[in-house]
């Protein structure tokens, strides 16, 4: 097999090249996995309203850890059929990618404070009441002005 993949070099050199390629792919996969875990963790915090954000983050963290516990057990399916572990991981990844399409867009949106505001946002209405927006604008303006005056 090695001579088919690398016809111009010796079989030993080809095995070395394939091992380097395999190691590089494993490192790339591990890096992508770590970065995607960080992105998912940050995005999860934006989805939940402030009232239940910590509970939601805990729930997401527990599910991530359970997935990490179950993942090595999937390799035992190789005893039944050698194709099952890659198919299982592939199908899970595709389903997760499709599920992301159902999530709400949070870009340039304020974090939601209450469950009612989250329900309004999900229905397509404004996420914050007019009074909440005004009080937030005033408090931000006062902080900016007072911080500048105190430093000068």
Protein backbone atom coordinates (compact mmCIF):
# COMPACT_ATOMS: atom_id res chain seq x y z
CA UNK A 1 0.00 0.00 0.00
CA UNK A 2 2.82 2.41 0.84
CA UNK A 3 4.44 1.87 -2.56
CA UNK A 4 1.16 2.77 -4.27
CA UNK A 5 0.87 6.08 -2.34
CA UNK A 6 4.51 7.11 -2.88
CA UNK A 7 5.86 5.37 -6.04
CA UNK A 8 9.15 7.33 -6.35
CA UNK A 9 10.59 6.86 -2.87
CA UNK A 10 11.48 3.79 -0.90
CA UNK A 11 8.81 2.09 1.13
CA UNK A 12 10.45 3.07 4.43
CA UNK A 13 10.56 6.76 3.47
CA UNK A 14 6.96 6.62 2.34
CA UNK A 15 5.87 5.16 5.68
CA UNK A 16 7.73 7.99 7.41
CA UNK A 17 6.00 10.59 5.23
CA UNK A 18 2.61 9.02 5.85
CA UNK A 19 3.28 9.01 9.61
CA UNK A 20 4.19 12.72 9.49
CA UNK A 21 1.04 13.45 7.48
CA UNK A 22 -1.06 11.47 9.94
CA UNK A 23 0.45 13.33 12.90
CA UNK A 24 -0.11 16.70 11.22
CA UNK A 25 -3.75 15.82 10.51
CA UNK A 26 -4.24 14.70 14.12
CA UNK A 27 -2.76 17.96 15.43
CA UNK A 28 -4.92 20.01 13.05
CA UNK A 29 -8.02 18.08 14.10
CA UNK A 30 -7.23 18.53 17.79
CA UNK A 31 -6.72 22.28 17.29
CA UNK A 32 -9.98 22.65 15.37
CA UNK A 33 -11.81 20.67 18.05
CA UNK A 34 -10.44 22.89 20.81
CA UNK A 35 -11.32 26.10 18.97
CA UNK A 36 -14.84 24.89 18.15
CA UNK A 37 -15.39 23.97 21.81
CA UNK A 38 -14.42 27.51 22.84
CA UNK A 39 -16.74 29.04 20.22
CA UNK A 40 -19.65 26.87 21.32
CA UNK A 41 -19.00 27.74 24.97
CA UNK A 42 -19.02 31.48 24.23
CA UNK A 43 -22.07 31.29 21.97
CA UNK A 44 -24.02 29.34 24.59
CA UNK A 45 -23.64 32.22 27.04
CA UNK A 46 -25.22 34.59 24.52
CA UNK A 47 -28.26 32.39 23.99
CA UNK A 48 -29.57 32.28 27.56
CA UNK A 49 -31.17 35.26 29.33
CA UNK A 50 -29.33 36.65 32.33
CA UNK A 51 -31.83 35.12 34.77
CA UNK A 52 -30.88 31.57 33.81
CA UNK A 53 -27.51 32.02 32.08
CA UNK A 54 -25.46 30.15 34.69
CA UNK A 55 -27.93 27.28 34.79
CA UNK A 56 -27.88 27.06 30.99
CA UNK A 57 -24.09 27.15 30.89
CA UNK A 58 -23.95 24.39 33.50
CA UNK A 59 -26.38 22.29 31.47
CA UNK A 60 -24.33 22.78 28.30
CA UNK A 61 -21.10 21.95 30.15
CA UNK A 62 -22.55 18.75 31.60
CA UNK A 63 -23.71 17.64 28.15
CA UNK A 64 -20.27 18.38 26.68
CA UNK A 65 -18.62 16.29 29.38
CA UNK A 66 -21.08 13.44 28.82
CA UNK A 67 -20.22 13.53 25.13
CA UNK A 68 -16.55 13.31 26.06
CA UNK A 69 -17.29 10.28 28.22
CA UNK A 70 -19.32 8.47 25.56
CA UNK A 71 -17.00 9.20 22.61
CA UNK A 72 -14.35 6.58 23.50
CA UNK A 73 -17.08 3.97 23.87
CA UNK A 74 -18.13 4.51 20.26
CA UNK A 75 -14.87 2.89 19.16
CA UNK A 76 -16.06 -0.38 20.69
CA UNK A 77 -18.61 -0.53 17.85
CA UNK A 78 -15.65 -1.48 15.67
CA UNK A 79 -16.02 -5.03 17.02
CA UNK A 80 -19.44 -5.23 15.36
CA UNK A 81 -18.49 -3.49 12.10
CA UNK A 82 -15.37 -1.48 11.26
CA UNK A 83 -17.42 1.23 9.52
CA UNK A 84 -19.67 2.05 12.50
CA UNK A 85 -17.32 4.36 14.52
CA UNK A 86 -16.50 6.75 11.63
CA UNK A 87 -20.12 6.74 10.50
CA UNK A 88 -21.30 7.44 14.05
CA UNK A 89 -18.94 10.37 14.50
CA UNK A 90 -19.71 11.68 11.00
CA UNK A 91 -23.49 11.52 11.42
CA UNK A 92 -23.25 13.21 14.82
CA UNK A 93 -21.18 16.04 13.33
CA UNK A 94 -23.58 16.52 10.43
CA UNK A 95 -26.61 16.58 12.75
CA UNK A 96 -24.88 19.13 15.00
CA UNK A 97 -24.10 21.30 11.98
CA UNK A 98 -27.72 21.17 10.87
CA UNK A 99 -28.96 21.97 14.38
CA UNK A 100 -26.88 25.17 14.37
CA UNK A 101 -29.09 26.49 11.55
CA UNK A 102 -31.99 26.57 14.02
CA UNK A 103 -30.21 28.81 16.55
CA UNK A 104 -30.91 32.51 16.88
CA UNK A 105 -28.49 35.09 15.46
CA UNK A 106 -26.82 37.08 18.24
CA UNK A 107 -24.56 39.35 16.19
CA UNK A 108 -24.96 43.05 17.13
CA UNK A 109 -27.78 42.16 19.52
CA UNK A 110 -27.81 43.05 23.22
CA UNK A 111 -27.75 40.20 25.71
CA UNK A 112 -31.25 39.35 26.84
CA UNK A 113 -31.99 40.05 30.50
CA UNK A 114 -35.26 38.19 31.16
CA UNK A 115 -37.03 35.08 29.95
CA UNK A 116 -39.92 37.21 28.70
CA UNK A 117 -37.52 39.27 26.56
CA UNK A 118 -36.12 36.04 25.13
CA UNK A 119 -39.61 34.86 24.27
CA UNK A 120 -40.33 38.20 22.55
CA UNK A 121 -37.08 37.92 20.57
CA UNK A 122 -37.95 34.35 19.55
CA UNK A 123 -41.35 35.49 18.28
CA UNK A 124 -39.71 38.21 16.22
CA UNK A 125 -40.57 41.19 18.43
CA UNK A 126 -38.18 43.53 20.19
CA UNK A 127 -36.14 41.82 22.85
CA UNK A 128 -36.13 44.74 25.27
CA UNK A 129 -38.91 47.05 26.37
CA UNK A 130 -38.60 50.76 25.57
CA UNK A 131 -38.06 51.65 29.23
CA UNK A 132 -35.24 49.13 29.58
CA UNK A 133 -33.48 50.52 26.51
CA UNK A 134 -33.77 54.11 27.75
CA UNK A 135 -32.53 53.30 31.24
CA UNK A 136 -29.60 51.38 29.79
CA UNK A 137 -28.67 54.26 27.46
CA UNK A 138 -28.79 56.76 30.31
CA UNK A 139 -26.66 54.64 32.60
CA UNK A 140 -24.03 54.11 29.89
CA UNK A 141 -23.92 57.84 29.07
CA UNK A 142 -23.53 58.80 32.73
CA UNK A 143 -20.67 56.35 33.20
CA UNK A 144 -18.83 57.64 30.15
CA UNK A 145 -19.16 61.31 31.17
CA UNK A 146 -18.24 60.82 34.82
CA UNK A 147 -15.26 58.63 34.03
CA UNK A 148 -13.79 61.28 31.72
CA UNK A 149 -14.37 64.17 34.15
CA UNK A 150 -12.75 62.31 37.04
CA UNK A 151 -9.59 61.49 35.09
CA UNK A 152 -9.12 65.07 33.79
